[in-house]
Amino acid sequence: MRVGVKVTGHLIDLCSATHVDLDEGACVDAALGALGIPPAQVGLVSVNGEAVPKAKRAEMVLRESDEMVVMAPLTGG
């Protein structure tokens, strides 16, 4: 299955993909792994506009044509 991907912030240096091809039943964590983005570098993930908490990334099953946004942690001062 194909899932759309948008990567933001400094994570663009790690991944510039616009989609990821996954096996049926793959979760958000599997998608991050397939994209080569280390989980510790991810701030927020949303799927179809809804935030996916870090604790739910291994449970959230993706579906064909889902849109996933991967954001770097917010920093500043």
C-alpha atoms as a PDB file:
ATOM      1  CA  MET A   1       0.000   0.000   0.000  1.00  0.00           C
ATOM      2  CA  ARG A   2       1.124   3.575  -0.574  1.00  0.00           C
ATOM      3  CA  VAL A   3       0.935   6.273   2.115  1.00  0.00           C
ATOM      4  CA  GLY A   4       1.565   9.956   1.387  1.00  0.00           C
ATOM      5  CA  VAL A   5       4.302  11.597   3.445  1.00  0.00           C
ATOM      6  CA  LYS A   6       5.211  15.186   4.278  1.00  0.00           C
ATOM      7  CA  VAL A   7       8.340  15.738   6.378  1.00  0.00           C
ATOM      8  CA  THR A   8       9.022  19.112   8.007  1.00  0.00           C
ATOM      9  CA  GLY A   9      11.815  20.932   9.804  1.00  0.00           C
ATOM     10  CA  HIS A  10      15.317  19.516   9.995  1.00  0.00           C
ATOM     11  CA  LEU A  11      13.930  16.042   9.260  1.00  0.00           C
ATOM     12  CA  ILE A  12      13.922  17.039   5.588  1.00  0.00           C
ATOM     13  CA  ASP A  13      17.682  16.463   5.721  1.00  0.00           C
ATOM     14  CA  LEU A  14      16.983  12.820   6.630  1.00  0.00           C
ATOM     15  CA  CYS A  15      14.053  12.167   4.327  1.00  0.00           C
ATOM     16  CA  SER A  16      12.635  13.965   1.318  1.00  0.00           C
ATOM     17  CA  ALA A  17      10.145  11.245   0.332  1.00  0.00           C
ATOM     18  CA  THR A  18       6.616  12.176  -0.703  1.00  0.00           C
ATOM     19  CA  HIS A  19       5.271   8.667  -0.124  1.00  0.00           C
ATOM     20  CA  VAL A  20       6.211   5.326   1.381  1.00  0.00           C
ATOM     21  CA  ASP A  21       5.208   1.844   0.211  1.00  0.00           C
ATOM     22  CA  LEU A  22       4.319  -0.470   3.091  1.00  0.00           C
ATOM     23  CA  ASP A  23       2.810  -3.890   3.673  1.00  0.00           C
ATOM     24  CA  GLU A  24      -0.892  -3.975   4.501  1.00  0.00           C
ATOM     25  CA  GLY A  25      -1.445  -3.519   8.237  1.00  0.00           C
ATOM     26  CA  ALA A  26       1.747  -1.503   8.764  1.00  0.00           C
ATOM     27  CA  CYS A  27       1.776   0.975  11.637  1.00  0.00           C
ATOM     28  CA  VAL A  28       3.146   4.499  11.968  1.00  0.00           C
ATOM     29  CA  ASP A  29       6.353   3.221  13.597  1.00  0.00           C
ATOM     30  CA  ALA A  30       6.915   0.899  10.619  1.00  0.00           C
ATOM     31  CA  ALA A  31       6.470   3.834   8.241  1.00  0.00           C
ATOM     32  CA  LEU A  32       8.998   5.920  10.174  1.00  0.00           C
ATOM     33  CA  GLY A  33      11.453   3.018  10.014  1.00  0.00           C
ATOM     34  CA  ALA A  34      10.906   2.588   6.286  1.00  0.00           C
ATOM     35  CA  LEU A  35      11.586   6.289   5.816  1.00  0.00           C
ATOM     36  CA  GLY A  36      14.810   6.047   7.826  1.00  0.00           C
ATOM     37  CA  ILE A  37      13.736   8.617  10.389  1.00  0.00           C
ATOM     38  CA  PRO A  38      14.990   7.842  13.916  1.00  0.00           C
ATOM     39  CA  PRO A  39      12.019   7.881  16.346  1.00  0.00           C
ATOM     40  CA  ALA A  40      13.982  10.025  18.819  1.00  0.00           C
ATOM     41  CA  GLN A  41      14.142  12.797  16.202  1.00  0.00           C
ATOM     42  CA  VAL A  42      10.369  12.915  15.644  1.00  0.00           C
ATOM     43  CA  GLY A  43       8.294  15.493  17.486  1.00  0.00           C
ATOM     44  CA  LEU A  44       4.771  14.995  16.153  1.00  0.00           C
ATOM     45  CA  VAL A  45       3.153  12.666  13.670  1.00  0.00           C
ATOM     46  CA  SER A  46      -0.290  13.200  12.235  1.00  0.00           C
ATOM     47  CA  VAL A  47      -2.314  10.925   9.993  1.00  0.00           C
ATOM     48  CA  ASN A  48      -5.066  12.512   7.927  1.00  0.00           C
ATOM     49  CA  GLY A  49      -4.835  15.636  10.086  1.00  0.00           C
ATOM     50  CA  GLU A  50      -5.109  13.879  13.450  1.00  0.00           C
ATOM     51  CA  ALA A  51      -2.173  13.750  15.861  1.00  0.00           C
ATOM     52  CA  VAL A  52      -0.864  10.295  16.728  1.00  0.00           C
ATOM     53  CA  PRO A  53       0.637  10.265  20.249  1.00  0.00           C
ATOM     54  CA  LYS A  54       4.051   8.638  20.584  1.00  0.00           C
ATOM     55  CA  ALA A  55       2.539   5.866  22.724  1.00  0.00           C
ATOM     56  CA  LYS A  56       0.078   4.972  19.916  1.00  0.00           C
ATOM     57  CA  ARG A  57       2.477   4.922  16.946  1.00  0.00           C
ATOM     58  CA  ALA A  58       3.009   1.157  17.184  1.00  0.00           C
ATOM     59  CA  GLU A  59      -0.769   0.583  17.272  1.00  0.00           C
ATOM     60  CA  MET A  60      -1.980   3.071  14.645  1.00  0.00           C
ATOM     61  CA  VAL A  61      -2.522   1.036  11.479  1.00  0.00           C
ATOM     62  CA  LEU A  62      -2.128   2.932   8.231  1.00  0.00           C
ATOM     63  CA  ARG A  63      -4.348   2.448   5.204  1.00  0.00           C
ATOM     64  CA  GLU A  64      -3.895   2.956   1.473  1.00  0.00           C
ATOM     65  CA  SER A  65      -3.878   6.674   0.571  1.00  0.00           C
ATOM     66  CA  ASP A  66      -3.485   7.908   4.169  1.00  0.00           C
ATOM     67  CA  GLU A  67      -1.526  11.142   4.475  1.00  0.00           C
ATOM     68  CA  MET A  68       1.128  11.230   7.179  1.00  0.00           C
ATOM     69  CA  VAL A  69       2.943  14.387   8.338  1.00  0.00           C
ATOM     70  CA  VAL A  70       6.165  13.956  10.312  1.00  0.00           C
ATOM     71  CA  MET A  71       7.374  17.008  12.240  1.00  0.00           C
ATOM     72  CA  ALA A  72      10.614  17.666  14.036  1.00  0.00           C
ATOM     73  CA  PRO A  73      10.399  18.586  17.732  1.00  0.00           C
ATOM     74  CA  LEU A  74       9.714  22.254  18.306  1.00  0.00           C
ATOM     75  CA  THR A  75      12.597  24.120  19.846  1.00  0.00           C
ATOM     76  CA  GLY A  76      13.304  27.701  20.572  1.00  0.00           C
ATOM     77  CA  GLY A  77      13.712  30.190  23.264  1.00  0.00           C
END
